[in-house]
């Protein structure tokens, strides 16, 4: 089966059979990715009165109670509600059925000696994604200003499978964007940003969340919405893009539950897309 959609007056066609999920499977009883030293996501059999939610223990059906922190326990999508006082629910923001997406691959490098900046100041051991890296990676995929994709998917190298169960810590910090790289993302008009690391900002950044504020156009060091805040934009973090998925142009189906929360576990699905001439 094929599906087609129009973006910027160009028709694109995708094959359903080639769909690939970018979500990390959240194994409640096994290894999981973890950020910020939080507890693991867990499940527990529901026991209520005389009811047991486990067929192996005599229950009529299986019913689990799940406990997780979406921001830290795996693939998740978040809204500007992550950094402002107002409730901006992810179930209301991520409503695009199918978006045009560019998938690019970059190799973060040590911050020492680069021309880009960050707030607070970069430390030599930080691994960062610079504006120049993104510009070169995007140019290999296509003319982003002409295509005007709604989404940008960023895969980082090295791309080992241990990203699906990696523990990020002060001793094992993930990469992040420089200010100039985030400015480029905004200049291209990206509404949905997807990355394979746990935060677009540095793990320990004095609480500034500089790139989050830039991406949603929220004044730094504040938590207030303004008429210029981009409430329709989302950030999806801790995805995993397998090596078999090539850089290129895709249709993106960002599957997010209707949670009344700033973030929720999500399942981004991509389909290779080609323009119909």
C-alpha atoms as a PDB file:
ATOM      1  CA  UNK A   1       0.000   0.000   0.000  1.00  0.00           C
ATOM      2  CA  UNK A   2       1.153   3.497  -0.765  1.00  0.00           C
ATOM      3  CA  UNK A   3       0.105   6.789   0.765  1.00  0.00           C
ATOM      4  CA  UNK A   4       0.535  10.236  -0.684  1.00  0.00           C
ATOM      5  CA  UNK A   5       0.463  13.697   0.826  1.00  0.00           C
ATOM      6  CA  UNK A   6       1.112  17.243  -0.272  1.00  0.00           C
ATOM      7  CA  UNK A   7       3.676  19.540   1.327  1.00  0.00           C
ATOM      8  CA  UNK A   8       4.402  23.032   0.000  1.00  0.00           C
ATOM      9  CA  UNK A   9       2.347  22.146  -3.112  1.00  0.00           C
ATOM     10  CA  UNK A  10       4.582  19.156  -3.869  1.00  0.00           C
ATOM     11  CA  UNK A  11       3.095  15.665  -3.777  1.00  0.00           C
ATOM     12  CA  UNK A  12       5.095  12.985  -1.959  1.00  0.00           C
ATOM     13  CA  UNK A  13       4.495   9.251  -2.041  1.00  0.00           C
ATOM     14  CA  UNK A  14       5.405   6.717   0.686  1.00  0.00           C
ATOM     15  CA  UNK A  15       5.269   2.938   0.915  1.00  0.00           C
ATOM     16  CA  UNK A  16       3.598   1.595   4.052  1.00  0.00           C
ATOM     17  CA  UNK A  17       5.649  -1.604   3.762  1.00  0.00           C
ATOM     18  CA  UNK A  18       8.842   0.384   4.347  1.00  0.00           C
ATOM     19  CA  UNK A  19       7.721   1.939   7.648  1.00  0.00           C
ATOM     20  CA  UNK A  20      10.356   2.027  10.394  1.00  0.00           C
ATOM     21  CA  UNK A  21       9.848   2.901  14.065  1.00  0.00           C
ATOM     22  CA  UNK A  22      12.403   5.210  15.691  1.00  0.00           C
ATOM     23  CA  UNK A  23      11.189   4.484  19.225  1.00  0.00           C
ATOM     24  CA  UNK A  24      13.321   2.609  21.732  1.00  0.00           C
ATOM     25  CA  UNK A  25      11.388  -0.348  23.098  1.00  0.00           C
ATOM     26  CA  UNK A  26      10.793   0.301  26.792  1.00  0.00           C
ATOM     27  CA  UNK A  27      11.443  -3.052  28.484  1.00  0.00           C
ATOM     28  CA  UNK A  28      10.007  -2.723  31.988  1.00  0.00           C
ATOM     29  CA  UNK A  29      11.829  -5.837  33.167  1.00  0.00           C
ATOM     30  CA  UNK A  30      15.088  -5.450  31.264  1.00  0.00           C
ATOM     31  CA  UNK A  31      17.684  -2.900  30.259  1.00  0.00           C
ATOM     32  CA  UNK A  32      16.498   0.647  29.568  1.00  0.00           C
ATOM     33  CA  UNK A  33      18.058   3.971  28.611  1.00  0.00           C
ATOM     34  CA  UNK A  34      18.223   6.367  31.541  1.00  0.00           C
ATOM     35  CA  UNK A  35      18.895  10.062  31.925  1.00  0.00           C
ATOM     36  CA  UNK A  36      19.556  12.260  34.940  1.00  0.00           C
ATOM     37  CA  UNK A  37      19.884   9.398  37.434  1.00  0.00           C
ATOM     38  CA  UNK A  38      16.150   8.740  37.706  1.00  0.00           C
ATOM     39  CA  UNK A  39      14.496   5.490  38.734  1.00  0.00           C
ATOM     40  CA  UNK A  40      13.870   2.916  36.018  1.00  0.00           C
ATOM     41  CA  UNK A  41      10.434   2.701  34.461  1.00  0.00           C
ATOM     42  CA  UNK A  42       8.624  -0.165  36.154  1.00  0.00           C
ATOM     43  CA  UNK A  43       5.457  -2.231  36.033  1.00  0.00           C
ATOM     44  CA  UNK A  44       3.487  -3.899  38.779  1.00  0.00           C
ATOM     45  CA  UNK A  45       0.589  -6.316  38.660  1.00  0.00           C
ATOM     46  CA  UNK A  46      -2.652  -4.658  39.703  1.00  0.00           C
ATOM     47  CA  UNK A  47      -4.135  -6.211  42.824  1.00  0.00           C
ATOM     48  CA  UNK A  48      -7.442  -4.730  43.860  1.00  0.00           C
ATOM     49  CA  UNK A  49      -9.727  -6.397  46.376  1.00  0.00           C
ATOM     50  CA  UNK A  50      -9.911 -10.001  45.253  1.00  0.00           C
ATOM     51  CA  UNK A  51      -8.740  -9.201  41.726  1.00  0.00           C
ATOM     52  CA  UNK A  52      -5.264 -10.146  40.491  1.00  0.00           C
ATOM     53  CA  UNK A  53      -4.155  -8.818  37.118  1.00  0.00           C
ATOM     54  CA  UNK A  54      -1.995 -11.807  36.247  1.00  0.00           C
ATOM     55  CA  UNK A  55      -3.317 -14.871  34.415  1.00  0.00           C
ATOM     56  CA  UNK A  56      -0.326 -16.875  35.657  1.00  0.00           C
ATOM     57  CA  UNK A  57      -1.521 -16.241  39.184  1.00  0.00           C
ATOM     58  CA  UNK A  58      -5.142 -17.170  38.600  1.00  0.00           C
ATOM     59  CA  UNK A  59      -6.325 -13.811  37.272  1.00  0.00           C
ATOM     60  CA  UNK A  60      -8.861 -13.583  34.468  1.00  0.00           C
ATOM     61  CA  UNK A  61      -6.669 -11.134  32.512  1.00  0.00           C
ATOM     62  CA  UNK A  62      -3.387  -9.275  32.696  1.00  0.00           C
ATOM     63  CA  UNK A  63      -3.475  -5.722  34.062  1.00  0.00           C
ATOM     64  CA  UNK A  64      -0.304  -3.816  34.931  1.00  0.00           C
ATOM     65  CA  UNK A  65       0.258  -0.521  36.686  1.00  0.00           C
ATOM     66  CA  UNK A  66       3.074   1.365  34.935  1.00  0.00           C
ATOM     67  CA  UNK A  67       5.381   3.940  36.486  1.00  0.00           C
ATOM     68  CA  UNK A  68       7.753   6.038  34.381  1.00  0.00           C
ATOM     69  CA  UNK A  69       9.297   9.460  33.872  1.00  0.00           C
ATOM     70  CA  UNK A  70       8.829  10.175  30.141  1.00  0.00           C
ATOM     71  CA  UNK A  71      11.629  12.767  30.021  1.00  0.00           C
ATOM     72  CA  UNK A  72      14.188  10.277  31.347  1.00  0.00           C
ATOM     73  CA  UNK A  73      13.078   6.700  30.658  1.00  0.00           C
ATOM     74  CA  UNK A  74      13.050   6.439  26.870  1.00  0.00           C
ATOM     75  CA  UNK A  75      11.690   7.868  23.641  1.00  0.00           C
ATOM     76  CA  UNK A  76       9.398  10.793  24.412  1.00  0.00           C
ATOM     77  CA  UNK A  77       7.904  13.918  22.863  1.00  0.00           C
ATOM     78  CA  UNK A  78       7.638  17.194  24.736  1.00  0.00           C
ATOM     79  CA  UNK A  79       6.032  20.599  24.268  1.00  0.00           C
ATOM     80  CA  UNK A  80       6.847  24.112  25.407  1.00  0.00           C
ATOM     81  CA  UNK A  81       4.956  23.156  28.572  1.00  0.00           C
ATOM     82  CA  UNK A  82       8.292  21.631  29.629  1.00  0.00           C
ATOM     83  CA  UNK A  83       9.730  25.101  30.363  1.00  0.00           C
ATOM     84  CA  UNK A  84       6.770  27.419  31.053  1.00  0.00           C
ATOM     85  CA  UNK A  85       4.295  27.873  33.880  1.00  0.00           C
ATOM     86  CA  UNK A  86       1.263  27.264  31.675  1.00  0.00           C
ATOM     87  CA  UNK A  87      -0.029  23.771  30.860  1.00  0.00           C
ATOM     88  CA  UNK A  88       0.654  23.024  27.188  1.00  0.00           C
ATOM     89  CA  UNK A  89      -0.364  19.428  26.634  1.00  0.00           C
ATOM     90  CA  UNK A  90       1.575  17.194  24.280  1.00  0.00           C
ATOM     91  CA  UNK A  91      -1.659  15.535  23.171  1.00  0.00           C
ATOM     92  CA  UNK A  92      -2.774  18.873  21.733  1.00  0.00           C
ATOM     93  CA  UNK A  93       0.513  19.912  20.098  1.00  0.00           C
ATOM     94  CA  UNK A  94       1.581  16.770  18.205  1.00  0.00           C
ATOM     95  CA  UNK A  95      -1.382  16.465  15.864  1.00  0.00           C
ATOM     96  CA  UNK A  96       0.337  16.224  12.452  1.00  0.00           C
ATOM     97  CA  UNK A  97      -0.811  12.972  10.844  1.00  0.00           C
ATOM     98  CA  UNK A  98       2.055  12.957   8.355  1.00  0.00           C
ATOM     99  CA  UNK A  99       4.907  15.472   8.102  1.00  0.00           C
ATOM    100  CA  UNK A 100       7.754  15.845   5.654  1.00  0.00           C
ATOM    101  CA  UNK A 101      11.043  15.123   7.462  1.00  0.00           C
ATOM    102  CA  UNK A 102      14.759  15.333   6.680  1.00  0.00           C
ATOM    103  CA  UNK A 103      16.899  12.637   8.340  1.00  0.00           C
ATOM    104  CA  UNK A 104      20.562  13.580   8.768  1.00  0.00           C
ATOM    105  CA  UNK A 105      23.589  12.048  10.468  1.00  0.00           C
ATOM    106  CA  UNK A 106      26.294  14.029  12.278  1.00  0.00           C
ATOM    107  CA  UNK A 107      29.330  13.185  14.390  1.00  0.00           C
ATOM    108  CA  UNK A 108      29.555  15.425  17.484  1.00  0.00           C
ATOM    109  CA  UNK A 109      33.007  16.710  18.327  1.00  0.00           C
ATOM    110  CA  UNK A 110      34.753  18.128  21.339  1.00  0.00           C
ATOM    111  CA  UNK A 111      33.964  21.768  22.008  1.00  0.00           C
ATOM    112  CA  UNK A 112      37.553  22.881  22.422  1.00  0.00           C
ATOM    113  CA  UNK A 113      38.543  25.177  19.588  1.00  0.00           C
ATOM    114  CA  UNK A 114      35.187  25.372  17.808  1.00  0.00           C
ATOM    115  CA  UNK A 115      33.758  28.722  16.768  1.00  0.00           C
ATOM    116  CA  UNK A 116      30.224  28.080  18.055  1.00  0.00           C
ATOM    117  CA  UNK A 117      28.958  29.046  21.504  1.00  0.00           C
ATOM    118  CA  UNK A 118      26.631  27.968  24.285  1.00  0.00           C
ATOM    119  CA  UNK A 119      25.143  29.407  27.453  1.00  0.00           C
ATOM    120  CA  UNK A 120      26.632  28.676  29.972  1.00  0.00           C
ATOM    121  CA  UNK A 121      30.066  28.600  28.368  1.00  0.00           C
ATOM    122  CA  UNK A 122      31.223  25.427  26.705  1.00  0.00           C
ATOM    123  CA  UNK A 123      33.676  23.183  28.504  1.00  0.00           C
ATOM    124  CA  UNK A 124      36.483  21.534  26.503  1.00  0.00           C
ATOM    125  CA  UNK A 125      35.182  18.014  27.158  1.00  0.00           C
ATOM    126  CA  UNK A 126      31.640  18.786  25.933  1.00  0.00           C
ATOM    127  CA  UNK A 127      30.635  16.981  22.746  1.00  0.00           C
ATOM    128  CA  UNK A 128      28.579  19.260  20.547  1.00  0.00           C
ATOM    129  CA  UNK A 129      26.708  19.473  17.265  1.00  0.00           C
ATOM    130  CA  UNK A 130      27.637  22.694  15.476  1.00  0.00           C
ATOM    131  CA  UNK A 131      25.849  24.778  12.882  1.00  0.00           C
ATOM    132  CA  UNK A 132      28.417  23.828  10.243  1.00  0.00           C
ATOM    133  CA  UNK A 133      27.892  20.109  10.899  1.00  0.00           C
ATOM    134  CA  UNK A 134      24.139  20.452  10.459  1.00  0.00           C
ATOM    135  CA  UNK A 135      24.469  22.601   7.349  1.00  0.00           C
ATOM    136  CA  UNK A 136      26.708  20.033   5.637  1.00  0.00           C
ATOM    137  CA  UNK A 137      24.545  17.062   6.677  1.00  0.00           C
ATOM    138  CA  UNK A 138      21.345  18.768   5.531  1.00  0.00           C
ATOM    139  CA  UNK A 139      22.902  19.793   2.193  1.00  0.00           C
ATOM    140  CA  UNK A 140      23.609  16.110   1.430  1.00  0.00           C
ATOM    141  CA  UNK A 141      19.901  15.334   1.781  1.00  0.00           C
ATOM    142  CA  UNK A 142      18.510  18.250  -0.218  1.00  0.00           C
ATOM    143  CA  UNK A 143      17.724  21.931  -0.403  1.00  0.00           C
ATOM    144  CA  UNK A 144      15.991  22.449   2.926  1.00  0.00           C
ATOM    145  CA  UNK A 145      14.889  26.012   2.150  1.00  0.00           C
ATOM    146  CA  UNK A 146      13.144  24.771  -1.003  1.00  0.00           C
ATOM    147  CA  UNK A 147      11.568  21.640   0.499  1.00  0.00           C
ATOM    148  CA  UNK A 148      10.711  23.347   3.815  1.00  0.00           C
ATOM    149  CA  UNK A 149      10.318  20.094   5.793  1.00  0.00           C
ATOM    150  CA  UNK A 150       8.258  20.241   8.960  1.00  0.00           C
ATOM    151  CA  UNK A 151      10.586  17.890  10.845  1.00  0.00           C
ATOM    152  CA  UNK A 152      14.311  17.307  11.296  1.00  0.00           C
ATOM    153  CA  UNK A 153      15.589  13.954  12.564  1.00  0.00           C
ATOM    154  CA  UNK A 154      19.182  13.949  13.846  1.00  0.00           C
ATOM    155  CA  UNK A 155      21.195  10.740  14.236  1.00  0.00           C
ATOM    156  CA  UNK A 156      24.610  10.926  15.898  1.00  0.00           C
ATOM    157  CA  UNK A 157      27.753   8.854  15.426  1.00  0.00           C
ATOM    158  CA  UNK A 158      28.877   6.466  16.689  1.00  0.00           C
ATOM    159  CA  UNK A 159      25.510   4.747  16.384  1.00  0.00           C
ATOM    160  CA  UNK A 160      25.815   1.569  18.431  1.00  0.00           C
ATOM    161  CA  UNK A 161      22.796  -0.355  19.707  1.00  0.00           C
ATOM    162  CA  UNK A 162      23.742   0.446  23.297  1.00  0.00           C
ATOM    163  CA  UNK A 163      21.891   3.757  22.853  1.00  0.00           C
ATOM    164  CA  UNK A 164      18.796   1.650  23.549  1.00  0.00           C
ATOM    165  CA  UNK A 165      20.023   0.924  27.086  1.00  0.00           C
ATOM    166  CA  UNK A 166      22.585   3.640  27.816  1.00  0.00           C
ATOM    167  CA  UNK A 167      22.822   5.315  31.212  1.00  0.00           C
ATOM    168  CA  UNK A 168      23.651   8.989  30.797  1.00  0.00           C
ATOM    169  CA  UNK A 169      25.473  10.544  33.732  1.00  0.00           C
ATOM    170  CA  UNK A 170      27.985  13.295  34.568  1.00  0.00           C
ATOM    171  CA  UNK A 171      30.680  10.759  33.672  1.00  0.00           C
ATOM    172  CA  UNK A 172      28.932   9.775  30.415  1.00  0.00           C
ATOM    173  CA  UNK A 173      27.325  12.946  29.127  1.00  0.00           C
ATOM    174  CA  UNK A 174      25.397  13.012  25.856  1.00  0.00           C
ATOM    175  CA  UNK A 175      26.061  15.499  23.050  1.00  0.00           C
ATOM    176  CA  UNK A 176      23.946  18.620  22.557  1.00  0.00           C
ATOM    177  CA  UNK A 177      23.448  21.491  20.117  1.00  0.00           C
ATOM    178  CA  UNK A 178      25.388  24.726  20.117  1.00  0.00           C
ATOM    179  CA  UNK A 179      23.420  27.973  20.112  1.00  0.00           C
ATOM    180  CA  UNK A 180      24.278  28.509  16.456  1.00  0.00           C
ATOM    181  CA  UNK A 181      23.026  25.018  15.516  1.00  0.00           C
ATOM    182  CA  UNK A 182      19.732  25.706  17.271  1.00  0.00           C
ATOM    183  CA  UNK A 183      19.487  29.041  15.444  1.00  0.00           C
ATOM    184  CA  UNK A 184      19.849  27.179  12.137  1.00  0.00           C
ATOM    185  CA  UNK A 185      17.045  24.796  13.098  1.00  0.00           C
ATOM    186  CA  UNK A 186      14.777  27.757  13.800  1.00  0.00           C
ATOM    187  CA  UNK A 187      15.772  29.482  10.554  1.00  0.00           C
ATOM    188  CA  UNK A 188      14.649  26.459   8.539  1.00  0.00           C
ATOM    189  CA  UNK A 189      11.162  26.580  10.056  1.00  0.00           C
ATOM    190  CA  UNK A 190      11.361  23.132  11.673  1.00  0.00           C
ATOM    191  CA  UNK A 191       8.294  22.379  13.844  1.00  0.00           C
ATOM    192  CA  UNK A 192       9.221  18.886  15.014  1.00  0.00           C
ATOM    193  CA  UNK A 193      12.811  18.189  16.113  1.00  0.00           C
ATOM    194  CA  UNK A 194      13.814  14.569  16.799  1.00  0.00           C
ATOM    195  CA  UNK A 195      17.197  13.556  18.291  1.00  0.00           C
ATOM    196  CA  UNK A 196      18.811  10.336  19.488  1.00  0.00           C
ATOM    197  CA  UNK A 197      20.153  11.820  22.734  1.00  0.00           C
ATOM    198  CA  UNK A 198      18.216  12.683  25.908  1.00  0.00           C
ATOM    199  CA  UNK A 199      18.239  16.491  25.737  1.00  0.00           C
ATOM    200  CA  UNK A 200      18.961  19.214  23.194  1.00  0.00           C
ATOM    201  CA  UNK A 201      20.725  21.012  26.052  1.00  0.00           C
ATOM    202  CA  UNK A 202      23.740  20.101  28.155  1.00  0.00           C
ATOM    203  CA  UNK A 203      22.969  17.830  31.085  1.00  0.00           C
ATOM    204  CA  UNK A 204      24.356  20.287  33.644  1.00  0.00           C
ATOM    205  CA  UNK A 205      23.645  23.763  32.300  1.00  0.00           C
ATOM    206  CA  UNK A 206      22.834  25.762  35.450  1.00  0.00           C
ATOM    207  CA  UNK A 207      19.155  25.289  34.674  1.00  0.00           C
ATOM    208  CA  UNK A 208      19.214  27.630  31.671  1.00  0.00           C
ATOM    209  CA  UNK A 209      17.918  25.162  29.015  1.00  0.00           C
ATOM    210  CA  UNK A 210      19.163  27.633  26.441  1.00  0.00           C
ATOM    211  CA  UNK A 211      18.265  25.618  23.339  1.00  0.00           C
ATOM    212  CA  UNK A 212      14.816  24.702  24.652  1.00  0.00           C
ATOM    213  CA  UNK A 213      14.093  28.398  25.170  1.00  0.00           C
ATOM    214  CA  UNK A 214      15.426  29.290  21.716  1.00  0.00           C
ATOM    215  CA  UNK A 215      13.513  26.543  19.931  1.00  0.00           C
ATOM    216  CA  UNK A 216      10.174  27.603  21.415  1.00  0.00           C
ATOM    217  CA  UNK A 217      11.008  31.325  21.499  1.00  0.00           C
ATOM    218  CA  UNK A 218      10.623  31.725  25.251  1.00  0.00           C
ATOM    219  CA  UNK A 219      12.700  34.480  26.819  1.00  0.00           C
ATOM    220  CA  UNK A 220      15.719  33.075  28.620  1.00  0.00           C
ATOM    221  CA  UNK A 221      15.602  32.903  32.418  1.00  0.00           C
ATOM    222  CA  UNK A 222      11.789  33.145  32.332  1.00  0.00           C
ATOM    223  CA  UNK A 223       8.944  30.626  32.300  1.00  0.00           C
ATOM    224  CA  UNK A 224       6.335  32.788  30.640  1.00  0.00           C
ATOM    225  CA  UNK A 225       4.536  32.361  27.347  1.00  0.00           C
ATOM    226  CA  UNK A 226       4.336  35.326  24.995  1.00  0.00           C
ATOM    227  CA  UNK A 227       2.444  36.015  21.797  1.00  0.00           C
ATOM    228  CA  UNK A 228       5.645  35.063  19.937  1.00  0.00           C
ATOM    229  CA  UNK A 229       6.072  31.654  21.574  1.00  0.00           C
ATOM    230  CA  UNK A 230       5.844  28.753  19.100  1.00  0.00           C
ATOM    231  CA  UNK A 231       3.398  26.507  20.940  1.00  0.00           C
ATOM    232  CA  UNK A 232       2.865  24.138  17.996  1.00  0.00           C
ATOM    233  CA  UNK A 233       6.491  22.931  17.995  1.00  0.00           C
ATOM    234  CA  UNK A 234       7.668  19.689  19.611  1.00  0.00           C
ATOM    235  CA  UNK A 235      10.951  18.061  20.592  1.00  0.00           C
ATOM    236  CA  UNK A 236      11.314  14.281  20.565  1.00  0.00           C
ATOM    237  CA  UNK A 237      14.332  12.877  22.391  1.00  0.00           C
ATOM    238  CA  UNK A 238      16.003   9.483  22.887  1.00  0.00           C
ATOM    239  CA  UNK A 239      15.012   7.989  19.554  1.00  0.00           C
ATOM    240  CA  UNK A 240      17.134   5.327  17.874  1.00  0.00           C
ATOM    241  CA  UNK A 241      17.733   5.377  14.118  1.00  0.00           C
ATOM    242  CA  UNK A 242      19.142   2.034  12.978  1.00  0.00           C
ATOM    243  CA  UNK A 243      22.019   2.055  10.500  1.00  0.00           C
ATOM    244  CA  UNK A 244      19.786   0.435   7.880  1.00  0.00           C
ATOM    245  CA  UNK A 245      17.729   3.642   7.695  1.00  0.00           C
ATOM    246  CA  UNK A 246      19.550   5.931   5.288  1.00  0.00           C
ATOM    247  CA  UNK A 247      19.746   9.712   5.467  1.00  0.00           C
ATOM    248  CA  UNK A 248      17.105  11.224   3.247  1.00  0.00           C
ATOM    249  CA  UNK A 249      13.567  12.531   2.932  1.00  0.00           C
ATOM    250  CA  UNK A 250      10.786  10.786   4.838  1.00  0.00           C
ATOM    251  CA  UNK A 251       7.171  11.004   5.795  1.00  0.00           C
ATOM    252  CA  UNK A 252       6.956  11.178   9.596  1.00  0.00           C
ATOM    253  CA  UNK A 253       4.026   9.907  11.633  1.00  0.00           C
ATOM    254  CA  UNK A 254       4.683  11.176  15.170  1.00  0.00           C
ATOM    255  CA  UNK A 255       2.525   8.935  17.338  1.00  0.00           C
ATOM    256  CA  UNK A 256       1.849  10.528  20.726  1.00  0.00           C
ATOM    257  CA  UNK A 257      -0.886   9.571  23.229  1.00  0.00           C
ATOM    258  CA  UNK A 258      -3.428  12.180  24.277  1.00  0.00           C
ATOM    259  CA  UNK A 259      -1.753  12.846  27.622  1.00  0.00           C
ATOM    260  CA  UNK A 260      -2.661  15.959  29.586  1.00  0.00           C
ATOM    261  CA  UNK A 261       1.030  16.519  30.267  1.00  0.00           C
ATOM    262  CA  UNK A 262       3.974  18.452  28.850  1.00  0.00           C
ATOM    263  CA  UNK A 263       5.549  15.172  27.664  1.00  0.00           C
ATOM    264  CA  UNK A 264       4.609  11.593  26.886  1.00  0.00           C
ATOM    265  CA  UNK A 265       6.234   8.402  25.607  1.00  0.00           C
ATOM    266  CA  UNK A 266       6.062   8.426  21.807  1.00  0.00           C
ATOM    267  CA  UNK A 267       6.590   6.288  18.722  1.00  0.00           C
ATOM    268  CA  UNK A 268       7.874   8.185  15.683  1.00  0.00           C
ATOM    269  CA  UNK A 269       7.410   6.162  12.489  1.00  0.00           C
ATOM    270  CA  UNK A 270       9.103   7.108   9.217  1.00  0.00           C
ATOM    271  CA  UNK A 271       8.379   6.141   5.610  1.00  0.00           C
ATOM    272  CA  UNK A 272      10.838   6.831   2.758  1.00  0.00           C
ATOM    273  CA  UNK A 273       9.237   9.596   0.666  1.00  0.00           C
ATOM    274  CA  UNK A 274       9.759  10.588  -2.936  1.00  0.00           C
ATOM    275  CA  UNK A 275       8.421  13.591  -4.772  1.00  0.00           C
ATOM    276  CA  UNK A 276       6.005  12.840  -7.587  1.00  0.00           C
ATOM    277  CA  UNK A 277       6.984  14.888 -10.618  1.00  0.00           C
END
